[in-house]
Amino acid sequence: MSYRHTPEMGEISGFGGGYEKTCQDMLEAGVEWMLEHPEFEFSAEGYQGAVGLVYANNEETQELMHVIVNASKNKDGAPEADGAQIHGIMQRLGFIANNGWHAYVAQCRAGPKKVVQ
């Protein structure tokens, strides 16, 4: 099974191209890792309104963060993920960890919600 966005789910980043591909690669690697670790307990936090600052609260969540960063490596082996990508993917993985992939797909297909005034 592929854990990537389909067209009706929209993009993760909204930036398209290589940036979006990196986000998709990170999400898929994270979901696959979580499925391989069914006892995993997602625990992370950040600052409200501050994108790019996310902290793992346990070793497994820290390992998950390493997995998604490693999934962003370019052909030279250097990670390409920026803080916004890591934060955004970790938020999505937190939702998936708590609600499941199918609920995530339904949420994405329902479309974005107004969060910016």
Protein backbone atom coordinates (compact mmCIF):
# COMPACT_ATOMS: atom_id res chain seq x y z
CA MET A 1 0.00 0.00 0.00
CA SER A 2 1.19 3.50 -0.79
CA TYR A 3 1.03 6.13 1.93
CA ARG A 4 1.15 9.13 -0.37
CA HIS A 5 -1.40 11.78 -1.21
CA THR A 6 -3.65 11.20 -4.17
CA PRO A 7 -4.85 14.19 -6.23
CA GLU A 8 -8.15 14.41 -4.33
CA MET A 9 -6.22 14.69 -1.05
CA GLY A 10 -4.33 17.76 -2.24
CA GLU A 11 -0.70 18.53 -1.60
CA ILE A 12 0.99 18.45 1.77
CA SER A 13 3.06 21.59 1.21
CA GLY A 14 1.23 23.48 -1.48
CA PHE A 15 4.60 24.21 -3.12
CA GLY A 16 4.65 21.35 -5.62
CA GLY A 17 7.74 19.98 -7.33
CA GLY A 18 10.69 18.65 -5.39
CA TYR A 19 9.56 20.27 -2.14
CA GLU A 20 6.26 18.39 -2.26
CA LYS A 21 8.01 15.15 -3.26
CA THR A 22 10.22 15.46 -0.20
CA CYS A 23 7.14 15.92 2.01
CA GLN A 24 5.49 12.88 0.41
CA ASP A 25 8.65 10.79 0.89
CA MET A 26 8.85 11.83 4.55
CA LEU A 27 5.17 11.08 5.24
CA GLU A 28 5.34 7.67 3.58
CA ALA A 29 8.51 6.70 5.46
CA GLY A 30 6.95 7.83 8.75
CA VAL A 31 3.71 5.89 8.24
CA GLU A 32 5.62 2.77 7.23
CA TRP A 33 7.83 3.08 10.34
CA MET A 34 4.78 3.45 12.58
CA LEU A 35 3.21 0.35 11.03
CA GLU A 36 6.43 -1.57 11.74
CA HIS A 37 6.22 -0.43 15.40
CA PRO A 38 2.60 -1.09 16.45
CA GLU A 39 3.33 -0.46 20.15
CA PHE A 40 4.70 3.00 19.32
CA GLU A 41 3.30 5.93 21.32
CA PHE A 42 3.53 9.25 19.50
CA SER A 43 4.55 12.04 21.84
CA ALA A 44 5.78 15.39 20.59
CA GLU A 45 5.14 19.04 21.26
CA GLY A 46 6.03 22.46 19.96
CA TYR A 47 5.08 26.07 20.32
CA GLN A 48 1.68 27.32 19.23
CA GLY A 49 2.10 29.56 16.22
CA ALA A 50 5.80 28.74 15.76
CA VAL A 51 6.35 26.53 12.73
CA GLY A 52 9.53 24.51 12.62
CA LEU A 53 9.94 23.88 16.33
CA VAL A 54 8.89 20.38 17.29
CA TYR A 55 10.34 18.24 20.05
CA ALA A 56 10.05 14.50 20.59
CA ASN A 57 9.05 13.51 24.12
CA ASN A 58 10.24 9.92 23.95
CA GLU A 59 12.93 7.87 22.22
CA GLU A 60 10.54 6.29 19.73
CA THR A 61 9.21 9.65 18.55
CA GLN A 62 12.79 10.87 18.25
CA GLU A 63 13.55 7.80 16.13
CA LEU A 64 10.51 8.59 13.97
CA MET A 65 11.86 12.11 13.43
CA HIS A 66 15.19 10.63 12.31
CA VAL A 67 13.33 8.33 9.90
CA ILE A 68 11.51 11.20 8.21
CA VAL A 69 14.65 13.34 7.99
CA ASN A 70 16.55 10.43 6.46
CA ALA A 71 13.74 10.01 3.92
CA SER A 72 14.49 13.55 2.72
CA LYS A 73 18.06 12.80 1.67
CA ASN A 74 19.06 13.93 -1.79
CA LYS A 75 21.14 11.92 -4.27
CA ASP A 76 24.32 13.04 -2.45
CA GLY A 77 22.99 11.69 0.86
CA ALA A 78 22.37 15.06 2.50
CA PRO A 79 19.00 15.63 4.22
CA GLU A 80 16.91 18.27 2.46
CA ALA A 81 14.10 18.65 4.99
CA ASP A 82 13.68 22.07 6.53
CA GLY A 83 12.06 22.82 9.88
CA ALA A 84 8.67 23.54 8.34
CA GLN A 85 8.64 20.18 6.55
CA ILE A 86 9.66 18.29 9.68
CA HIS A 87 7.06 20.09 11.78
CA GLY A 88 4.29 19.63 9.22
CA ILE A 89 4.99 15.96 8.69
CA MET A 90 5.23 15.31 12.43
CA GLN A 91 1.83 16.98 12.93
CA ARG A 92 0.34 14.75 10.25
CA LEU A 93 1.99 11.64 11.70
CA GLY A 94 0.61 12.55 15.13
CA PHE A 95 -2.87 12.68 13.64
CA ILE A 96 -2.33 9.36 11.85
CA ALA A 97 -0.93 7.75 15.02
CA ASN A 98 -4.04 8.78 16.95
CA ASN A 99 -6.71 8.33 14.26
CA GLY A 100 -5.34 6.01 11.56
CA TRP A 101 -4.50 6.39 7.90
CA HIS A 102 -8.11 6.16 6.68
CA ALA A 103 -9.22 9.01 8.96
CA TYR A 104 -6.28 11.05 7.68
CA VAL A 105 -7.28 10.40 4.07
CA ALA A 106 -10.89 11.43 4.85
CA GLN A 107 -9.68 14.62 6.55
CA CYS A 108 -7.51 15.54 3.56
CA ARG A 109 -10.26 14.79 1.07
CA ALA A 110 -12.67 17.01 3.05
CA GLY A 111 -10.43 19.96 2.25
CA PRO A 112 -8.62 22.58 4.30
CA LYS A 113 -10.20 24.34 7.25
CA LYS A 114 -9.81 28.06 7.84
CA VAL A 115 -7.10 28.47 10.48
CA VAL A 116 -5.66 31.83 9.48
CA GLN A 117 -7.73 34.95 10.18
